Amino acid sequence: APTAQASVAGETVLAGSEMDVRVWGSLAYTLTNITQSITYNVYGANASTYADEVLVSGPTDILASAASSYAVVPPPYAYYRVKILDKVGGVHVR
């Protein structure tokens, strides 16, 4: 599971969110937000480098002190990751 991470005013990969789901029949992410609002996007790819990534969900907003989730059964892509974007600007811990 991803650990607390600072968000920035540009889209950045959420640490620990990169998943190889080729052997799994489902995928689920749950994101919790501590301070300030953020937006997140879920990306899927078939290349392990994410060179062919496509947006599969989002943008989704999470308010401060709230949570959100994404799930898919079966996952149509081999690799997934989450990217976050701070809606307030600046750097904040997530």
N, C-alpha and C. Protein backbone atom coordinates (compact mmCIF):
# COMPACT_ATOMS: atom_id res chain seq x y z
N ALA A 1 0.85 -1.19 0.00
CA ALA A 1 0.00 0.00 0.00
C ALA A 1 0.89 1.25 0.00
N PRO A 2 0.48 2.27 -0.73
CA PRO A 2 1.27 3.51 -0.76
C PRO A 2 1.34 4.14 0.63
N THR A 3 2.44 4.77 0.92
CA THR A 3 2.62 5.48 2.18
C THR A 3 2.34 6.96 1.97
N ALA A 4 2.34 7.72 3.06
CA ALA A 4 2.11 9.16 2.96
C ALA A 4 3.10 9.77 1.99
N GLN A 5 2.62 10.70 1.19
CA GLN A 5 3.46 11.32 0.16
C GLN A 5 3.05 12.76 -0.01
N ALA A 6 4.02 13.62 -0.26
CA ALA A 6 3.72 15.01 -0.57
C ALA A 6 3.19 15.10 -1.99
N SER A 7 2.13 15.86 -2.16
CA SER A 7 1.64 16.13 -3.51
C SER A 7 2.20 17.47 -3.97
N VAL A 8 2.22 17.67 -5.26
CA VAL A 8 2.75 18.91 -5.81
C VAL A 8 1.76 19.47 -6.82
N ALA A 9 2.04 20.64 -7.33
CA ALA A 9 1.14 21.31 -8.25
C ALA A 9 1.25 20.77 -9.68
N GLY A 10 1.82 19.60 -9.85
CA GLY A 10 1.90 18.93 -11.15
C GLY A 10 1.59 17.46 -10.94
N GLU A 11 1.07 16.79 -11.94
CA GLU A 11 0.72 15.38 -11.80
C GLU A 11 1.97 14.54 -11.53
N THR A 12 1.90 13.72 -10.50
CA THR A 12 3.04 12.88 -10.11
C THR A 12 2.54 11.49 -9.73
N VAL A 13 3.37 10.48 -9.97
CA VAL A 13 3.01 9.10 -9.64
C VAL A 13 2.95 8.95 -8.13
N LEU A 14 1.89 8.36 -7.63
CA LEU A 14 1.75 8.08 -6.22
C LEU A 14 2.67 6.91 -5.86
N ALA A 15 3.61 7.16 -4.98
CA ALA A 15 4.60 6.15 -4.60
C ALA A 15 3.91 4.87 -4.14
N GLY A 16 4.36 3.73 -4.66
CA GLY A 16 3.81 2.44 -4.27
C GLY A 16 2.55 2.03 -5.01
N SER A 17 2.08 2.86 -5.92
CA SER A 17 0.82 2.54 -6.61
C SER A 17 1.02 1.69 -7.87
N GLU A 18 2.25 1.55 -8.33
CA GLU A 18 2.49 0.78 -9.56
C GLU A 18 2.27 -0.70 -9.30
N MET A 19 1.40 -1.32 -10.10
CA MET A 19 1.01 -2.71 -9.89
C MET A 19 1.11 -3.51 -11.18
N ASP A 20 1.67 -4.71 -11.06
CA ASP A 20 1.66 -5.70 -12.14
C ASP A 20 0.52 -6.66 -11.79
N VAL A 21 -0.57 -6.61 -12.54
CA VAL A 21 -1.76 -7.41 -12.19
C VAL A 21 -2.00 -8.57 -13.16
N ARG A 22 -0.97 -8.96 -13.89
CA ARG A 22 -1.14 -10.03 -14.88
C ARG A 22 -1.61 -11.34 -14.27
N VAL A 23 -1.29 -11.61 -13.03
CA VAL A 23 -1.69 -12.87 -12.41
C VAL A 23 -2.92 -12.72 -11.50
N TRP A 24 -3.51 -11.54 -11.46
CA TRP A 24 -4.64 -11.28 -10.58
C TRP A 24 -5.93 -11.14 -11.37
N GLY A 25 -7.03 -11.46 -10.76
CA GLY A 25 -8.34 -11.36 -11.40
C GLY A 25 -9.07 -10.08 -11.09
N SER A 26 -8.47 -9.23 -10.22
CA SER A 26 -9.10 -7.96 -9.87
C SER A 26 -8.03 -6.97 -9.42
N LEU A 27 -8.42 -5.71 -9.40
CA LEU A 27 -7.54 -4.64 -8.93
C LEU A 27 -8.39 -3.65 -8.15
N ALA A 28 -7.89 -3.20 -7.01
CA ALA A 28 -8.59 -2.18 -6.24
C ALA A 28 -7.58 -1.24 -5.59
N TYR A 29 -7.88 0.03 -5.66
CA TYR A 29 -7.11 1.06 -4.96
C TYR A 29 -8.05 1.77 -4.00
N THR A 30 -7.57 2.09 -2.83
CA THR A 30 -8.28 2.98 -1.91
C THR A 30 -7.31 4.08 -1.54
N LEU A 31 -7.71 5.32 -1.77
CA LEU A 31 -6.87 6.47 -1.48
C LEU A 31 -7.49 7.28 -0.37
N THR A 32 -6.68 7.66 0.59
CA THR A 32 -7.14 8.55 1.65
C THR A 32 -6.34 9.83 1.59
N ASN A 33 -6.98 10.91 1.91
CA ASN A 33 -6.38 12.23 1.81
C ASN A 33 -6.44 12.91 3.17
N ILE A 34 -5.33 13.48 3.61
CA ILE A 34 -5.27 14.08 4.94
C ILE A 34 -5.58 15.58 4.89
N THR A 35 -4.84 16.32 4.07
CA THR A 35 -5.00 17.78 4.03
C THR A 35 -5.15 18.26 2.59
N GLN A 36 -5.87 19.33 2.40
CA GLN A 36 -6.07 19.95 1.10
C GLN A 36 -6.70 18.97 0.10
N SER A 37 -7.34 19.47 -0.90
CA SER A 37 -7.98 18.64 -1.91
C SER A 37 -6.96 18.20 -2.96
N ILE A 38 -7.11 16.96 -3.44
CA ILE A 38 -6.28 16.46 -4.52
C ILE A 38 -7.17 15.85 -5.60
N THR A 39 -6.60 15.70 -6.76
CA THR A 39 -7.23 14.99 -7.87
C THR A 39 -6.36 13.80 -8.18
N TYR A 40 -6.99 12.65 -8.48
CA TYR A 40 -6.18 11.50 -8.89
C TYR A 40 -6.72 10.90 -10.17
N ASN A 41 -5.81 10.27 -10.90
CA ASN A 41 -6.13 9.55 -12.12
C ASN A 41 -5.53 8.15 -12.02
N VAL A 42 -6.23 7.16 -12.54
CA VAL A 42 -5.71 5.80 -12.61
C VAL A 42 -5.36 5.53 -14.07
N TYR A 43 -4.14 5.02 -14.29
CA TYR A 43 -3.65 4.72 -15.62
C TYR A 43 -3.41 3.22 -15.76
N GLY A 44 -3.70 2.67 -16.93
CA GLY A 44 -3.40 1.29 -17.25
C GLY A 44 -2.47 1.23 -18.44
N ALA A 45 -1.66 0.17 -18.51
CA ALA A 45 -0.70 -0.01 -19.61
C ALA A 45 -0.45 -1.49 -19.81
N ASN A 46 0.03 -1.83 -20.99
CA ASN A 46 0.46 -3.20 -21.25
C ASN A 46 1.97 -3.33 -21.28
N ALA A 47 2.67 -2.20 -21.33
CA ALA A 47 4.14 -2.19 -21.28
C ALA A 47 4.57 -1.87 -19.84
N SER A 48 5.54 -2.59 -19.33
CA SER A 48 5.99 -2.38 -17.95
C SER A 48 6.62 -1.00 -17.74
N THR A 49 6.99 -0.33 -18.83
CA THR A 49 7.55 1.02 -18.75
C THR A 49 6.46 2.09 -18.74
N TYR A 50 5.21 1.67 -18.92
CA TYR A 50 4.05 2.56 -19.01
C TYR A 50 4.12 3.46 -20.24
N ALA A 51 4.91 3.09 -21.22
CA ALA A 51 5.04 3.88 -22.44
C ALA A 51 3.71 3.97 -23.19
N ASP A 52 2.84 2.98 -23.01
CA ASP A 52 1.55 2.96 -23.71
C ASP A 52 0.38 3.23 -22.76
N GLU A 53 0.65 3.89 -21.63
CA GLU A 53 -0.41 4.07 -20.64
C GLU A 53 -1.57 4.89 -21.17
N VAL A 54 -2.76 4.53 -20.68
CA VAL A 54 -3.99 5.25 -21.02
C VAL A 54 -4.73 5.55 -19.72
N LEU A 55 -5.48 6.62 -19.72
CA LEU A 55 -6.30 6.98 -18.58
C LEU A 55 -7.47 6.02 -18.50
N VAL A 56 -7.62 5.32 -17.37
CA VAL A 56 -8.74 4.39 -17.23
C VAL A 56 -9.79 4.90 -16.25
N SER A 57 -9.41 5.84 -15.40
CA SER A 57 -10.38 6.43 -14.48
C SER A 57 -9.88 7.80 -14.03
N GLY A 58 -10.79 8.74 -14.02
CA GLY A 58 -10.44 10.07 -13.53
C GLY A 58 -10.65 11.13 -14.59
N PRO A 59 -10.45 12.34 -14.21
CA PRO A 59 -9.95 12.78 -12.92
C PRO A 59 -11.03 12.65 -11.82
N THR A 60 -10.57 12.28 -10.62
CA THR A 60 -11.45 12.14 -9.46
C THR A 60 -10.89 13.01 -8.35
N ASP A 61 -11.76 13.82 -7.75
CA ASP A 61 -11.34 14.69 -6.66
C ASP A 61 -11.55 13.99 -5.31
N ILE A 62 -10.61 14.23 -4.39
CA ILE A 62 -10.76 13.79 -3.01
C ILE A 62 -10.60 15.02 -2.12
N LEU A 63 -11.61 15.30 -1.34
CA LEU A 63 -11.55 16.43 -0.42
C LEU A 63 -10.65 16.09 0.77
N ALA A 64 -10.25 17.12 1.51
CA ALA A 64 -9.46 16.90 2.72
C ALA A 64 -10.21 16.00 3.68
N SER A 65 -9.49 15.10 4.34
CA SER A 65 -10.05 14.15 5.32
C SER A 65 -11.08 13.22 4.71
N ALA A 66 -10.91 12.86 3.46
CA ALA A 66 -11.84 11.97 2.77
C ALA A 66 -11.09 10.84 2.09
N ALA A 67 -11.85 9.92 1.49
CA ALA A 67 -11.26 8.77 0.80
C ALA A 67 -12.01 8.52 -0.50
N SER A 68 -11.38 7.77 -1.38
CA SER A 68 -11.99 7.39 -2.65
C SER A 68 -11.39 6.05 -3.06
N SER A 69 -12.07 5.36 -3.99
CA SER A 69 -11.53 4.07 -4.42
C SER A 69 -11.81 3.84 -5.91
N TYR A 70 -11.05 2.92 -6.45
CA TYR A 70 -11.20 2.47 -7.83
C TYR A 70 -11.04 0.96 -7.83
N ALA A 71 -11.90 0.26 -8.57
CA ALA A 71 -11.78 -1.19 -8.68
C ALA A 71 -12.19 -1.61 -10.08
N VAL A 72 -11.59 -2.73 -10.56
CA VAL A 72 -11.94 -3.27 -11.86
C VAL A 72 -11.78 -4.79 -11.81
N VAL A 73 -12.76 -5.49 -12.39
CA VAL A 73 -12.74 -6.97 -12.45
C VAL A 73 -13.23 -7.40 -13.82
N PRO A 74 -12.47 -8.11 -14.60
CA PRO A 74 -11.02 -8.32 -14.49
C PRO A 74 -10.29 -7.10 -15.04
N PRO A 75 -9.07 -6.87 -14.61
CA PRO A 75 -8.32 -5.72 -15.13
C PRO A 75 -7.89 -5.97 -16.58
N PRO A 76 -8.29 -5.09 -17.50
CA PRO A 76 -7.96 -5.30 -18.91
C PRO A 76 -6.51 -4.98 -19.28
N TYR A 77 -5.80 -4.28 -18.42
CA TYR A 77 -4.40 -3.95 -18.69
C TYR A 77 -3.49 -4.74 -17.75
N ALA A 78 -2.22 -4.86 -18.11
CA ALA A 78 -1.26 -5.62 -17.31
C ALA A 78 -0.69 -4.81 -16.14
N TYR A 79 -0.57 -3.51 -16.33
CA TYR A 79 0.07 -2.65 -15.34
C TYR A 79 -0.82 -1.45 -15.04
N TYR A 80 -0.82 -1.05 -13.79
CA TYR A 80 -1.62 0.10 -13.35
C TYR A 80 -0.79 0.97 -12.43
N ARG A 81 -1.16 2.25 -12.38
CA ARG A 81 -0.59 3.18 -11.41
C ARG A 81 -1.53 4.36 -11.23
N VAL A 82 -1.31 5.07 -10.14
CA VAL A 82 -2.11 6.23 -9.79
C VAL A 82 -1.22 7.46 -9.84
N LYS A 83 -1.76 8.53 -10.39
CA LYS A 83 -1.06 9.82 -10.37
C LYS A 83 -1.95 10.81 -9.64
N ILE A 84 -1.31 11.67 -8.81
CA ILE A 84 -2.05 12.66 -8.05
C ILE A 84 -1.63 14.07 -8.45
N LEU A 85 -2.55 14.99 -8.22
CA LEU A 85 -2.33 16.40 -8.53
C LEU A 85 -2.95 17.22 -7.41
N ASP A 86 -2.19 18.11 -6.83
CA ASP A 86 -2.67 18.98 -5.77
C ASP A 86 -3.60 20.03 -6.37
N LYS A 87 -4.80 20.17 -5.83
CA LYS A 87 -5.75 21.15 -6.35
C LYS A 87 -5.53 22.54 -5.78
N VAL A 88 -4.72 22.65 -4.72
CA VAL A 88 -4.51 23.92 -4.06
C VAL A 88 -3.27 24.63 -4.56
N GLY A 89 -2.28 23.88 -4.97
CA GLY A 89 -1.01 24.47 -5.38
C GLY A 89 -0.02 24.38 -4.24
N GLY A 90 1.21 24.16 -4.56
CA GLY A 90 2.23 24.00 -3.54
C GLY A 90 2.47 22.55 -3.20
N VAL A 91 3.10 22.31 -2.07
CA VAL A 91 3.43 20.95 -1.65
C VAL A 91 2.71 20.64 -0.34
N HIS A 92 2.03 19.50 -0.28
CA HIS A 92 1.29 19.09 0.91
C HIS A 92 1.50 17.60 1.13
N VAL A 93 1.52 17.17 2.36
CA VAL A 93 1.70 15.76 2.66
C VAL A 93 0.37 15.03 2.52
N ARG A 94 0.41 13.85 1.81
CA ARG A 94 -0.78 13.01 1.61
C ARG A 94 -0.59 11.73 2.35
